[in-house]
Amino acid sequence: MPMLVALRRWGLTLVALLLVGCATSRMIDSDVQSFVGTTPVVSGASYRFERLPSQAANGVQNRIEAMTEQALANAGLHRSDTAPRYLVQVSVGVEGMQNPYARPPRFGLVLGTNGLWYERALLDMDPPWVRHRVHLLLRDTANGQVAYETSAVFESPWSDTLNLLPPMLEAALQNYPQPGAHKVVVELPAPGKDTR
């Protein structure tokens, strides 16, 4: 009986810790690479979105562009569908990858049906790992040349890509219009947290 009470307490403690963990902010550390093309990059310029044929039928693209519009505004660019300086293409990619922190398989003895002991791999609960990527391309409307290219990559066990996108976009455009490669950490507030 005391063992059952201890197990219940342990289970309640675990649930409480998980709930607290879900209610805290996350730090999104993106690897950013930015490049400047042959055309000079202009700060404070206007742009409009341009979609690839594969994005035209993508129902999520409107949400991605709405988040990108906010990040571009924070970088000093403004949207204008009439005579814009730049055409902006934004794409998001998600792929599964090997967990870089996975533990090696553990082995233990298991009693077989014939009464003999066998060595078997024990089940480990390492979470799957996901690579999230956002890529922005700014093309000059005057000559069609790429003026600026930037991308942010974030690897984590979390699969909520659209939720991770705003801090990744902020990271990708943090040093606009400067080129370079660096890591940028942006806080993703907990749901319902007031960031003002």
C-alpha atoms as a PDB file:
ATOM      1  CA  MET A   1       0.000   0.000   0.000  1.00  0.00           C
ATOM      2  CA  PRO A   2       2.759   2.550   0.827  1.00  0.00           C
ATOM      3  CA  MET A   3       4.305   1.736  -2.554  1.00  0.00           C
ATOM      4  CA  LEU A   4       1.022   2.557  -4.314  1.00  0.00           C
ATOM      5  CA  VAL A   5       0.767   5.893  -2.485  1.00  0.00           C
ATOM      6  CA  ALA A   6       4.373   6.724  -3.409  1.00  0.00           C
ATOM      7  CA  LEU A   7       3.705   5.903  -7.074  1.00  0.00           C
ATOM      8  CA  ARG A   8       0.606   8.121  -7.104  1.00  0.00           C
ATOM      9  CA  ARG A   9       2.553  11.011  -5.564  1.00  0.00           C
ATOM     10  CA  TRP A  10       5.357  10.553  -8.071  1.00  0.00           C
ATOM     11  CA  GLY A  11       2.837  10.506 -10.936  1.00  0.00           C
ATOM     12  CA  LEU A  12       1.127  13.693  -9.709  1.00  0.00           C
ATOM     13  CA  THR A  13       4.503  15.405  -9.336  1.00  0.00           C
ATOM     14  CA  LEU A  14       5.456  14.429 -12.891  1.00  0.00           C
ATOM     15  CA  VAL A  15       2.169  15.765 -14.285  1.00  0.00           C
ATOM     16  CA  ALA A  16       2.635  19.043 -12.373  1.00  0.00           C
ATOM     17  CA  LEU A  17       6.174  19.456 -13.736  1.00  0.00           C
ATOM     18  CA  LEU A  18       4.977  18.819 -17.283  1.00  0.00           C
ATOM     19  CA  LEU A  19       2.224  21.414 -16.935  1.00  0.00           C
ATOM     20  CA  VAL A  20       4.676  23.987 -15.581  1.00  0.00           C
ATOM     21  CA  GLY A  21       7.086  23.192 -18.432  1.00  0.00           C
ATOM     22  CA  CYS A  22       4.343  23.740 -21.012  1.00  0.00           C
ATOM     23  CA  ALA A  23       3.518  27.141 -19.520  1.00  0.00           C
ATOM     24  CA  THR A  24       7.033  28.590 -19.726  1.00  0.00           C
ATOM     25  CA  SER A  25       8.776  30.526 -22.462  1.00  0.00           C
ATOM     26  CA  ARG A  26      11.087  28.808 -24.933  1.00  0.00           C
ATOM     27  CA  MET A  27      14.348  30.191 -26.234  1.00  0.00           C
ATOM     28  CA  ILE A  28      14.622  29.660 -30.001  1.00  0.00           C
ATOM     29  CA  ASP A  29      18.287  29.613 -31.055  1.00  0.00           C
ATOM     30  CA  SER A  30      18.420  29.825 -34.840  1.00  0.00           C
ATOM     31  CA  ASP A  31      21.458  29.501 -37.070  1.00  0.00           C
ATOM     32  CA  VAL A  32      21.182  32.445 -39.460  1.00  0.00           C
ATOM     33  CA  GLN A  33      22.951  32.955 -42.784  1.00  0.00           C
ATOM     34  CA  SER A  34      22.421  36.149 -44.776  1.00  0.00           C
ATOM     35  CA  PHE A  35      23.821  37.182 -48.155  1.00  0.00           C
ATOM     36  CA  VAL A  36      23.813  40.394 -50.170  1.00  0.00           C
ATOM     37  CA  GLY A  37      23.500  40.193 -53.950  1.00  0.00           C
ATOM     38  CA  THR A  38      25.093  42.380 -56.620  1.00  0.00           C
ATOM     39  CA  THR A  39      22.267  44.924 -56.389  1.00  0.00           C
ATOM     40  CA  PRO A  40      22.621  47.341 -53.445  1.00  0.00           C
ATOM     41  CA  VAL A  41      20.160  46.614 -50.627  1.00  0.00           C
ATOM     42  CA  VAL A  42      17.864  49.481 -49.632  1.00  0.00           C
ATOM     43  CA  SER A  43      16.533  49.971 -46.105  1.00  0.00           C
ATOM     44  CA  GLY A  44      12.946  51.149 -45.674  1.00  0.00           C
ATOM     45  CA  ALA A  45      11.951  49.929 -49.146  1.00  0.00           C
ATOM     46  CA  SER A  46       8.591  48.610 -50.292  1.00  0.00           C
ATOM     47  CA  TYR A  47       7.874  45.044 -51.342  1.00  0.00           C
ATOM     48  CA  ARG A  48       5.186  42.638 -52.369  1.00  0.00           C
ATOM     49  CA  PHE A  49       5.062  38.887 -51.991  1.00  0.00           C
ATOM     50  CA  GLU A  50       5.733  36.605 -54.913  1.00  0.00           C
ATOM     51  CA  ARG A  51       4.713  32.959 -54.780  1.00  0.00           C
ATOM     52  CA  LEU A  52       6.200  29.935 -56.466  1.00  0.00           C
ATOM     53  CA  PRO A  53       3.752  27.676 -58.335  1.00  0.00           C
ATOM     54  CA  SER A  54       4.087  25.095 -55.541  1.00  0.00           C
ATOM     55  CA  GLN A  55       3.021  27.743 -52.984  1.00  0.00           C
ATOM     56  CA  ALA A  56      -0.041  28.944 -54.901  1.00  0.00           C
ATOM     57  CA  ALA A  57      -2.173  26.008 -53.766  1.00  0.00           C
ATOM     58  CA  ASN A  58      -0.655  25.884 -50.279  1.00  0.00           C
ATOM     59  CA  GLY A  59      -3.354  26.980 -47.824  1.00  0.00           C
ATOM     60  CA  VAL A  60      -0.788  27.744 -45.122  1.00  0.00           C
ATOM     61  CA  GLN A  61       1.100  30.267 -47.266  1.00  0.00           C
ATOM     62  CA  ASN A  62      -1.249  33.124 -46.271  1.00  0.00           C
ATOM     63  CA  ARG A  63      -0.402  32.570 -42.593  1.00  0.00           C
ATOM     64  CA  ILE A  64       3.321  32.317 -43.361  1.00  0.00           C
ATOM     65  CA  GLU A  65       3.236  35.588 -45.327  1.00  0.00           C
ATOM     66  CA  ALA A  66       1.266  37.353 -42.570  1.00  0.00           C
ATOM     67  CA  MET A  67       3.983  36.434 -40.046  1.00  0.00           C
ATOM     68  CA  THR A  68       6.678  37.431 -42.537  1.00  0.00           C
ATOM     69  CA  GLU A  69       4.983  40.796 -43.121  1.00  0.00           C
ATOM     70  CA  GLN A  70       5.276  41.568 -39.394  1.00  0.00           C
ATOM     71  CA  ALA A  71       8.965  40.569 -39.332  1.00  0.00           C
ATOM     72  CA  LEU A  72       9.703  42.651 -42.455  1.00  0.00           C
ATOM     73  CA  ALA A  73       7.929  45.652 -40.884  1.00  0.00           C
ATOM     74  CA  ASN A  74      10.141  45.271 -37.799  1.00  0.00           C
ATOM     75  CA  ALA A  75      13.147  45.326 -40.172  1.00  0.00           C
ATOM     76  CA  GLY A  76      11.924  48.606 -41.723  1.00  0.00           C
ATOM     77  CA  LEU A  77      10.333  47.292 -44.920  1.00  0.00           C
ATOM     78  CA  HIS A  78       6.709  48.013 -45.841  1.00  0.00           C
ATOM     79  CA  ARG A  79       4.293  46.122 -48.036  1.00  0.00           C
ATOM     80  CA  SER A  80       3.000  47.780 -51.195  1.00  0.00           C
ATOM     81  CA  ASP A  81       1.359  45.927 -54.043  1.00  0.00           C
ATOM     82  CA  THR A  82       1.793  48.936 -56.370  1.00  0.00           C
ATOM     83  CA  ALA A  83       5.313  49.600 -57.718  1.00  0.00           C
ATOM     84  CA  PRO A  84       7.271  47.791 -54.957  1.00  0.00           C
ATOM     85  CA  ARG A  85      11.071  47.899 -54.844  1.00  0.00           C
ATOM     86  CA  TYR A  86      11.382  44.195 -54.003  1.00  0.00           C
ATOM     87  CA  LEU A  87       9.609  40.919 -54.683  1.00  0.00           C
ATOM     88  CA  VAL A  88       9.767  38.729 -51.574  1.00  0.00           C
ATOM     89  CA  GLN A  89       9.624  34.953 -51.645  1.00  0.00           C
ATOM     90  CA  VAL A  90       9.319  33.151 -48.320  1.00  0.00           C
ATOM     91  CA  SER A  91       9.459  29.386 -47.910  1.00  0.00           C
ATOM     92  CA  VAL A  92       9.331  27.123 -44.881  1.00  0.00           C
ATOM     93  CA  GLY A  93      10.753  23.633 -44.670  1.00  0.00           C
ATOM     94  CA  VAL A  94      10.439  20.908 -42.053  1.00  0.00           C
ATOM     95  CA  GLU A  95      12.313  17.626 -41.973  1.00  0.00           C
ATOM     96  CA  GLY A  96      12.874  14.864 -39.480  1.00  0.00           C
ATOM     97  CA  MET A  97      16.429  14.217 -38.412  1.00  0.00           C
ATOM     98  CA  GLN A  98      18.384  11.978 -36.095  1.00  0.00           C
ATOM     99  CA  ASN A  99      18.238  13.134 -32.494  1.00  0.00           C
ATOM    100  CA  PRO A 100      21.729  14.529 -31.799  1.00  0.00           C
ATOM    101  CA  TYR A 101      21.253  13.835 -28.082  1.00  0.00           C
ATOM    102  CA  ALA A 102      19.914  10.283 -28.421  1.00  0.00           C
ATOM    103  CA  ARG A 103      21.256   7.863 -25.882  1.00  0.00           C
ATOM    104  CA  PRO A 104      22.852   4.648 -27.126  1.00  0.00           C
ATOM    105  CA  PRO A 105      20.554   1.632 -26.834  1.00  0.00           C
ATOM    106  CA  ARG A 106      20.567  -0.076 -23.456  1.00  0.00           C
ATOM    107  CA  PHE A 107      20.483  -3.811 -23.081  1.00  0.00           C
ATOM    108  CA  GLY A 108      19.006  -5.956 -20.352  1.00  0.00           C
ATOM    109  CA  LEU A 109      18.144  -9.551 -19.622  1.00  0.00           C
ATOM    110  CA  VAL A 110      14.657 -10.757 -20.504  1.00  0.00           C
ATOM    111  CA  LEU A 111      13.204 -14.078 -19.406  1.00  0.00           C
ATOM    112  CA  GLY A 112      12.038 -16.096 -22.397  1.00  0.00           C
ATOM    113  CA  THR A 113       9.065 -18.473 -22.514  1.00  0.00           C
ATOM    114  CA  ASN A 114      11.434 -21.436 -22.395  1.00  0.00           C
ATOM    115  CA  GLY A 115      12.848 -20.326 -19.039  1.00  0.00           C
ATOM    116  CA  LEU A 116      16.141 -19.056 -20.512  1.00  0.00           C
ATOM    117  CA  TRP A 117      17.412 -15.489 -20.179  1.00  0.00           C
ATOM    118  CA  TYR A 118      18.100 -13.422 -23.318  1.00  0.00           C
ATOM    119  CA  GLU A 119      19.826 -10.110 -23.820  1.00  0.00           C
ATOM    120  CA  ARG A 120      17.529  -7.547 -25.495  1.00  0.00           C
ATOM    121  CA  ALA A 121      17.538  -3.850 -26.278  1.00  0.00           C
ATOM    122  CA  LEU A 122      15.391  -1.956 -23.781  1.00  0.00           C
ATOM    123  CA  LEU A 123      12.918   0.661 -24.973  1.00  0.00           C
ATOM    124  CA  ASP A 124      14.213   4.219 -24.639  1.00  0.00           C
ATOM    125  CA  MET A 125      11.908   7.218 -24.950  1.00  0.00           C
ATOM    126  CA  ASP A 126      14.174   9.667 -26.785  1.00  0.00           C
ATOM    127  CA  PRO A 127      11.992  12.200 -28.617  1.00  0.00           C
ATOM    128  CA  PRO A 128      12.255  12.542 -32.399  1.00  0.00           C
ATOM    129  CA  TRP A 129      14.136  15.594 -33.662  1.00  0.00           C
ATOM    130  CA  VAL A 130      12.933  18.153 -36.205  1.00  0.00           C
ATOM    131  CA  ARG A 131      14.826  20.669 -38.379  1.00  0.00           C
ATOM    132  CA  HIS A 132      12.801  23.835 -39.115  1.00  0.00           C
ATOM    133  CA  ARG A 133      13.972  26.209 -41.860  1.00  0.00           C
ATOM    134  CA  VAL A 134      12.687  29.569 -43.085  1.00  0.00           C
ATOM    135  CA  HIS A 135      14.174  31.139 -46.217  1.00  0.00           C
ATOM    136  CA  LEU A 136      13.590  34.670 -47.559  1.00  0.00           C
ATOM    137  CA  LEU A 137      14.629  36.012 -50.944  1.00  0.00           C
ATOM    138  CA  LEU A 138      14.351  39.698 -51.888  1.00  0.00           C
ATOM    139  CA  ARG A 139      14.551  40.285 -55.622  1.00  0.00           C
ATOM    140  CA  ASP A 140      14.912  43.795 -57.099  1.00  0.00           C
ATOM    141  CA  THR A 141      11.955  44.537 -59.377  1.00  0.00           C
ATOM    142  CA  ALA A 142      14.068  46.889 -61.541  1.00  0.00           C
ATOM    143  CA  ASN A 143      16.454  44.209 -62.826  1.00  0.00           C
ATOM    144  CA  GLY A 144      15.204  40.902 -61.408  1.00  0.00           C
ATOM    145  CA  GLN A 145      18.466  40.371 -59.486  1.00  0.00           C
ATOM    146  CA  VAL A 146      18.592  38.969 -55.944  1.00  0.00           C
ATOM    147  CA  ALA A 147      19.334  41.810 -53.541  1.00  0.00           C
ATOM    148  CA  TYR A 148      19.188  39.937 -50.239  1.00  0.00           C
ATOM    149  CA  GLU A 149      18.873  36.330 -49.102  1.00  0.00           C
ATOM    150  CA  THR A 150      18.538  35.125 -45.541  1.00  0.00           C
ATOM    151  CA  SER A 151      17.621  31.911 -43.772  1.00  0.00           C
ATOM    152  CA  ALA A 152      17.189  30.678 -40.216  1.00  0.00           C
ATOM    153  CA  VAL A 153      17.434  27.047 -39.113  1.00  0.00           C
ATOM    154  CA  PHE A 154      16.273  25.739 -35.748  1.00  0.00           C
ATOM    155  CA  GLU A 155      16.585  22.116 -34.600  1.00  0.00           C
ATOM    156  CA  SER A 156      14.494  20.832 -31.715  1.00  0.00           C
ATOM    157  CA  PRO A 157      12.150  18.080 -30.494  1.00  0.00           C
ATOM    158  CA  TRP A 158       9.196  20.446 -31.073  1.00  0.00           C
ATOM    159  CA  SER A 159       7.091  20.016 -34.196  1.00  0.00           C
ATOM    160  CA  ASP A 160       4.937  23.188 -33.935  1.00  0.00           C
ATOM    161  CA  THR A 161       6.606  24.911 -36.896  1.00  0.00           C
ATOM    162  CA  LEU A 162       4.059  27.717 -37.370  1.00  0.00           C
ATOM    163  CA  ASN A 163       4.370  28.600 -33.686  1.00  0.00           C
ATOM    164  CA  LEU A 164       8.180  28.717 -34.017  1.00  0.00           C
ATOM    165  CA  LEU A 165       8.088  30.798 -37.206  1.00  0.00           C
ATOM    166  CA  PRO A 166       7.810  34.358 -35.733  1.00  0.00           C
ATOM    167  CA  PRO A 167      11.022  34.080 -33.640  1.00  0.00           C
ATOM    168  CA  MET A 168      12.808  32.402 -36.551  1.00  0.00           C
ATOM    169  CA  LEU A 169      11.771  35.208 -38.922  1.00  0.00           C
ATOM    170  CA  GLU A 170      12.888  37.785 -36.360  1.00  0.00           C
ATOM    171  CA  ALA A 171      16.252  36.036 -36.175  1.00  0.00           C
ATOM    172  CA  ALA A 172      16.602  35.834 -39.964  1.00  0.00           C
ATOM    173  CA  LEU A 173      15.988  39.580 -40.364  1.00  0.00           C
ATOM    174  CA  GLN A 174      17.737  40.804 -37.215  1.00  0.00           C
ATOM    175  CA  ASN A 175      20.744  42.290 -39.025  1.00  0.00           C
ATOM    176  CA  TYR A 176      18.986  43.310 -42.267  1.00  0.00           C
ATOM    177  CA  PRO A 177      20.488  44.441 -44.615  1.00  0.00           C
ATOM    178  CA  GLN A 178      23.879  43.159 -43.403  1.00  0.00           C
ATOM    179  CA  PRO A 179      25.262  39.780 -44.556  1.00  0.00           C
ATOM    180  CA  GLY A 180      26.810  37.239 -42.212  1.00  0.00           C
ATOM    181  CA  ALA A 181      26.438  33.947 -40.368  1.00  0.00           C
ATOM    182  CA  HIS A 182      25.601  33.876 -36.681  1.00  0.00           C
ATOM    183  CA  LYS A 183      23.365  32.320 -34.041  1.00  0.00           C
ATOM    184  CA  VAL A 184      20.419  34.392 -32.865  1.00  0.00           C
ATOM    185  CA  VAL A 185      18.382  33.582 -29.753  1.00  0.00           C
ATOM    186  CA  VAL A 186      14.812  34.900 -29.608  1.00  0.00           C
ATOM    187  CA  GLU A 187      12.304  34.206 -26.834  1.00  0.00           C
ATOM    188  CA  LEU A 188       9.062  32.513 -27.771  1.00  0.00           C
ATOM    189  CA  PRO A 189       6.665  33.581 -25.011  1.00  0.00           C
ATOM    190  CA  ALA A 190       4.420  31.032 -23.361  1.00  0.00           C
ATOM    191  CA  PRO A 191       0.867  30.950 -24.741  1.00  0.00           C
ATOM    192  CA  GLY A 192      -1.175  33.762 -23.238  1.00  0.00           C
ATOM    193  CA  LYS A 193       1.872  35.635 -21.917  1.00  0.00           C
ATOM    194  CA  ASP A 194       1.684  39.403 -22.416  1.00  0.00           C
ATOM    195  CA  THR A 195       4.887  40.547 -24.163  1.00  0.00           C
ATOM    196  CA  ARG A 196       4.192  44.289 -23.997  1.00  0.00           C
END
